[in-house]
Amino acid sequence: MNKQSKQRIHLKTAAIVVGLLAGLISINASAQSTPAAKATFAYTSLTVLPPCNSTDAGGCAGKGSDGWTSILMQQLKTANQKDLFINASLQCGIVTDTTVKSVNGSLDTAEARGTVRVKVKITAPSGAVSYAQPSTGQDATNTTGDGIVFCDRVQTLKARFSGLNCKADLTTGAVTCADPEELQLILKTLNANAFNFVAPGLSSGVNTIEVLARSSASGSATGTNGSLGSANAFIGAGSVAIEEVRMIKGNTGETISF
């Protein structure tokens, strides 16, 4: 083999080695494409949530779903055993409609209720799922449930009317009314809410943080004159701010007494 052939072989070998190194560098850069950061932020506009009534058989509205909807999601690359401080802010809207019809002094009642709950889901690099604390809270009826209540309204309307189109019995003096009187109350509100969550002791790597929301709506009526109750709950604009912190060790999140 002459000298020129040996030089060509050396050049080809060097080119192959350089190509392999470039490929390895590219793969490593791709794996580390998510930059390390101390904080992140996400924002969304109006979110329509499917109605969920936990009393329905088979889950929410009988659809076999727990009703939780991911409304905000962001990723944050953290160091080992770091904690996350998460502030979720949402506009929360509720519409309640109650109509009461009463006749001949009967007591008729209509009730409507709308609720929006929120919790924060953490998915670790391994795929393990946990939830930021607190993950449960009490509602307007002091009932503890899954998620923190961002808004909850229970609207109850009662009426006892004589009625319309009334006639008097000249013999007995009794007065009877054929048509019920009617009273309707509609409330619509939109308010902004915020709550702080903490996710302690996360593993290193890219963690996925999701803000989940669930709405529930229910209506009921008593009486025989056609009283009605209905409700709806929804999420407006929302944002979440996530910050990597180092919390005080042994802090359970309860209020510290001095």
Protein backbone atom coordinates (compact mmCIF):
# COMPACT_ATOMS: atom_id res chain seq x y z
CA MET A 1 0.00 0.00 0.00
CA ASN A 2 1.50 3.32 -1.03
CA LYS A 3 1.67 6.46 1.07
CA GLN A 4 -1.27 8.21 -0.63
CA SER A 5 -3.60 5.24 0.02
CA LYS A 6 -2.66 5.22 3.71
CA GLN A 7 -3.39 8.97 3.95
CA ARG A 8 -6.85 8.48 2.36
CA ILE A 9 -7.67 5.71 4.87
CA HIS A 10 -6.60 7.91 7.80
CA LEU A 11 -8.73 10.80 6.49
CA LYS A 12 -11.82 8.55 6.12
CA THR A 13 -11.34 7.14 9.63
CA ALA A 14 -11.03 10.62 11.09
CA ALA A 15 -14.20 11.72 9.29
CA ILE A 16 -16.15 8.75 10.72
CA VAL A 17 -14.96 9.48 14.27
CA VAL A 18 -15.87 13.17 13.94
CA GLY A 19 -19.33 12.22 12.62
CA LEU A 20 -19.96 9.83 15.52
CA LEU A 21 -18.88 12.44 18.06
CA ALA A 22 -21.14 15.03 16.44
CA GLY A 23 -24.06 12.60 16.61
CA LEU A 24 -23.46 11.89 20.30
CA ILE A 25 -23.23 15.60 21.06
CA SER A 26 -26.48 16.20 19.16
CA ILE A 27 -28.32 13.43 21.07
CA ASN A 28 -27.06 14.75 24.40
CA ALA A 29 -28.08 18.31 23.49
CA SER A 30 -31.55 17.08 22.55
CA ALA A 31 -31.94 15.27 25.87
CA GLN A 32 -30.95 18.42 27.72
CA SER A 33 -33.03 20.77 25.54
CA THR A 34 -35.25 21.77 28.46
CA PRO A 35 -33.26 24.50 30.20
CA ALA A 36 -32.85 24.53 33.98
CA ALA A 37 -34.81 27.37 35.55
CA LYS A 38 -35.97 28.64 38.92
CA ALA A 39 -39.47 29.67 37.84
CA THR A 40 -42.02 29.38 35.05
CA PHE A 41 -45.47 30.73 34.15
CA ALA A 42 -48.50 29.70 32.09
CA TYR A 43 -51.68 31.53 31.05
CA THR A 44 -54.98 30.54 29.48
CA SER A 45 -58.28 32.14 28.47
CA LEU A 46 -61.88 30.97 29.00
CA THR A 47 -62.14 27.24 29.72
CA VAL A 48 -65.35 25.27 29.34
CA LEU A 49 -65.56 22.50 31.92
CA PRO A 50 -67.85 19.49 31.51
CA PRO A 51 -70.50 19.44 34.25
CA CYS A 52 -69.76 16.94 36.98
CA ASN A 53 -72.12 15.68 39.64
CA SER A 54 -70.33 13.32 42.03
CA THR A 55 -73.64 11.76 43.05
CA ASP A 56 -74.19 10.36 39.57
CA ALA A 57 -73.56 6.65 39.12
CA GLY A 58 -70.37 5.82 37.25
CA GLY A 59 -68.62 9.12 37.93
CA CYS A 60 -69.49 12.52 36.53
CA ALA A 61 -72.75 12.71 34.59
CA GLY A 62 -72.62 8.92 34.27
CA LYS A 63 -69.70 9.11 31.83
CA GLY A 64 -67.23 7.20 33.99
CA SER A 65 -64.92 10.23 34.29
CA ASP A 66 -63.78 11.96 37.44
CA GLY A 67 -64.50 15.28 35.77
CA TRP A 68 -61.02 16.78 36.26
CA THR A 69 -59.83 18.85 33.30
CA SER A 70 -56.26 20.06 32.75
CA ILE A 71 -56.53 23.81 32.19
CA LEU A 72 -52.88 24.89 32.65
CA MET A 73 -49.68 22.91 32.08
CA GLN A 74 -45.99 23.78 32.26
CA GLN A 75 -42.67 21.95 32.69
CA LEU A 76 -39.82 22.85 35.02
CA LYS A 77 -36.40 21.21 35.25
CA THR A 78 -35.48 20.90 38.92
CA ALA A 79 -32.54 19.72 40.99
CA ASN A 80 -32.85 16.76 43.35
CA GLN A 81 -34.93 17.20 46.53
CA LYS A 82 -36.13 20.66 45.56
CA ASP A 83 -39.60 21.99 46.39
CA LEU A 84 -42.09 23.81 44.20
CA PHE A 85 -44.13 26.81 45.29
CA ILE A 86 -47.19 27.02 43.01
CA ASN A 87 -49.65 29.91 42.84
CA ALA A 88 -52.76 29.21 40.75
CA SER A 89 -55.03 32.16 39.91
CA LEU A 90 -58.36 31.73 38.13
CA GLN A 91 -61.46 33.67 37.25
CA CYS A 92 -64.38 31.66 38.55
CA GLY A 93 -67.97 32.09 37.32
CA ILE A 94 -71.26 30.69 38.58
CA VAL A 95 -74.80 31.10 37.25
CA THR A 96 -77.74 30.00 39.44
CA ASP A 97 -81.40 30.18 38.47
CA THR A 98 -84.27 29.40 40.85
CA THR A 99 -87.97 29.76 40.12
CA VAL A 100 -90.62 29.16 42.79
CA LYS A 101 -94.36 28.74 42.16
CA SER A 102 -96.80 28.53 45.04
CA VAL A 103 -100.58 28.37 45.30
CA ASN A 104 -103.10 28.12 48.13
CA GLY A 105 -100.46 28.87 50.73
CA SER A 106 -98.23 25.91 49.89
CA LEU A 107 -94.51 26.22 50.62
CA ASP A 108 -92.47 25.57 47.48
CA THR A 109 -88.67 25.55 47.37
CA ALA A 110 -86.07 25.65 44.60
CA GLU A 111 -82.33 25.21 45.09
CA ALA A 112 -79.40 25.60 42.71
CA ARG A 113 -75.70 25.11 43.34
CA GLY A 114 -72.50 25.58 41.35
CA THR A 115 -68.96 24.73 42.47
CA VAL A 116 -65.46 24.86 41.00
CA ARG A 117 -62.61 22.91 42.62
CA VAL A 118 -58.90 23.06 41.74
CA LYS A 119 -55.87 20.85 42.43
CA VAL A 120 -52.31 20.65 41.09
CA LYS A 121 -50.92 17.45 39.56
CA ILE A 122 -47.16 16.76 39.42
CA THR A 123 -45.77 14.19 36.98
CA ALA A 124 -42.15 13.24 37.79
CA PRO A 125 -39.56 12.28 35.12
CA SER A 126 -40.22 8.62 36.04
CA GLY A 127 -43.91 9.05 35.27
CA ALA A 128 -44.96 8.88 38.93
CA VAL A 129 -47.93 11.13 39.75
CA SER A 130 -48.40 13.14 42.94
CA TYR A 131 -50.47 16.15 43.95
CA ALA A 132 -49.32 19.42 45.46
CA GLN A 133 -50.55 20.18 48.96
CA PRO A 134 -53.18 20.88 50.03
CA SER A 135 -55.10 18.54 47.72
CA THR A 136 -58.41 18.52 49.61
CA GLY A 137 -60.59 21.22 51.11
CA GLN A 138 -64.01 22.06 52.53
CA ASP A 139 -66.91 23.52 50.58
CA ALA A 140 -69.71 25.88 51.60
CA THR A 141 -71.49 23.06 53.44
CA ASN A 142 -68.34 22.15 55.44
CA THR A 143 -67.95 18.93 53.45
CA THR A 144 -64.37 17.85 52.70
CA GLY A 145 -63.72 16.79 49.13
CA ASP A 146 -61.04 16.36 46.47
CA GLY A 147 -59.40 19.64 45.45
CA ILE A 148 -59.55 23.19 46.83
CA VAL A 149 -62.85 25.05 46.40
CA PHE A 150 -62.29 28.21 44.36
CA CYS A 151 -65.97 29.14 44.27
CA ASP A 152 -69.12 27.58 45.65
CA ARG A 153 -72.64 28.99 45.73
CA VAL A 154 -75.76 27.42 47.22
CA GLN A 155 -78.88 29.40 46.29
CA THR A 156 -82.16 28.51 47.99
CA LEU A 157 -85.46 30.24 47.26
CA LYS A 158 -88.69 29.60 49.17
CA ALA A 159 -92.15 31.06 48.72
CA ARG A 160 -95.62 30.67 50.20
CA PHE A 161 -98.22 32.46 48.08
CA SER A 162 -101.99 32.43 47.92
CA GLY A 163 -102.20 32.35 44.15
CA LEU A 164 -103.98 34.04 41.26
CA ASN A 165 -107.39 33.61 39.60
CA CYS A 166 -109.02 33.07 42.97
CA LYS A 167 -112.67 32.27 43.69
CA ALA A 168 -114.61 32.34 46.95
CA ASP A 169 -117.23 29.79 47.96
CA LEU A 170 -120.19 31.89 49.16
CA THR A 171 -121.44 29.02 51.26
CA THR A 172 -118.30 28.03 53.11
CA GLY A 173 -116.30 31.21 52.65
CA ALA A 174 -113.29 29.23 51.43
CA VAL A 175 -111.06 30.93 48.85
CA THR A 176 -109.33 28.83 46.23
CA CYS A 177 -106.89 30.03 43.58
CA ALA A 178 -106.36 28.24 40.28
CA ASP A 179 -103.05 29.80 39.20
CA PRO A 180 -99.84 29.96 41.29
CA GLU A 181 -97.95 33.14 41.97
CA GLU A 182 -94.37 33.00 40.71
CA LEU A 183 -91.02 34.26 41.99
CA GLN A 184 -87.71 33.89 40.12
CA LEU A 185 -84.16 34.72 41.26
CA ILE A 186 -81.13 34.63 38.93
CA LEU A 187 -77.58 35.36 40.08
CA LYS A 188 -74.51 35.62 37.86
CA THR A 189 -71.07 36.31 39.32
CA LEU A 190 -67.46 36.32 38.13
CA ASN A 191 -64.60 36.72 40.58
CA ALA A 192 -60.85 36.11 40.58
CA ASN A 193 -59.31 33.68 43.06
CA ALA A 194 -55.81 32.56 43.95
CA PHE A 195 -54.41 29.78 46.12
CA ASN A 196 -50.88 28.69 47.03
CA PHE A 197 -49.81 25.05 46.70
CA VAL A 198 -46.55 23.34 47.69
CA ALA A 199 -44.97 20.23 46.15
CA PRO A 200 -42.07 19.11 48.41
CA GLY A 201 -39.09 16.83 47.75
CA LEU A 202 -39.23 16.48 43.97
CA SER A 203 -36.81 14.25 42.08
CA SER A 204 -34.31 15.80 39.68
CA GLY A 205 -35.23 16.23 36.04
CA VAL A 206 -38.12 17.68 34.08
CA ASN A 207 -41.32 17.72 36.15
CA THR A 208 -44.69 18.41 34.51
CA ILE A 209 -47.06 20.60 36.50
CA GLU A 210 -50.77 20.65 35.64
CA VAL A 211 -53.53 22.73 37.18
CA LEU A 212 -56.71 20.64 37.17
CA ALA A 213 -60.22 22.03 37.60
CA ARG A 214 -63.61 20.42 38.03
CA SER A 215 -67.04 22.05 38.05
CA SER A 216 -70.24 20.66 39.49
CA ALA A 217 -73.78 21.91 39.06
CA SER A 218 -77.03 20.70 40.57
CA GLY A 219 -80.63 21.84 40.90
CA SER A 220 -83.62 20.64 42.90
CA ALA A 221 -87.19 21.70 43.64
CA THR A 222 -89.96 20.72 46.03
CA GLY A 223 -93.66 21.28 45.56
CA THR A 224 -96.24 20.38 42.95
CA ASN A 225 -96.58 23.69 41.12
CA GLY A 226 -93.59 23.54 38.77
CA SER A 227 -90.74 25.12 40.77
CA LEU A 228 -87.35 24.93 39.02
CA GLY A 229 -83.67 25.13 39.96
CA SER A 230 -80.61 25.10 37.68
CA ALA A 231 -76.94 26.12 37.83
CA ASN A 232 -73.76 26.35 35.78
CA ALA A 233 -70.11 26.95 36.72
CA PHE A 234 -67.17 27.90 34.49
CA ILE A 235 -63.54 29.04 34.47
CA GLY A 236 -62.49 32.37 32.99
CA ALA A 237 -58.92 33.52 32.40
CA GLY A 238 -56.31 31.75 34.52
CA SER A 239 -52.60 31.73 35.25
CA VAL A 240 -50.12 29.72 37.27
CA ALA A 241 -46.72 30.81 38.61
CA ILE A 242 -44.30 28.04 39.60
CA GLU A 243 -41.09 28.65 41.53
CA GLU A 244 -38.36 26.25 42.66
CA VAL A 245 -37.57 26.85 46.33
CA ARG A 246 -35.97 25.19 49.35
CA MET A 247 -38.61 24.95 52.07
CA ILE A 248 -37.84 24.68 55.80
CA LYS A 249 -37.24 21.02 56.59
CA GLY A 250 -39.95 19.47 58.72
CA ASN A 251 -42.49 22.15 57.78
CA THR A 252 -45.80 20.33 57.31
CA GLY A 253 -47.51 23.41 55.91
CA GLU A 254 -49.49 24.05 59.09
CA THR A 255 -49.52 27.45 60.76
CA ILE A 256 -46.50 27.96 63.02
CA SER A 257 -47.39 29.18 66.51
CA PHE A 258 -45.17 31.74 68.25
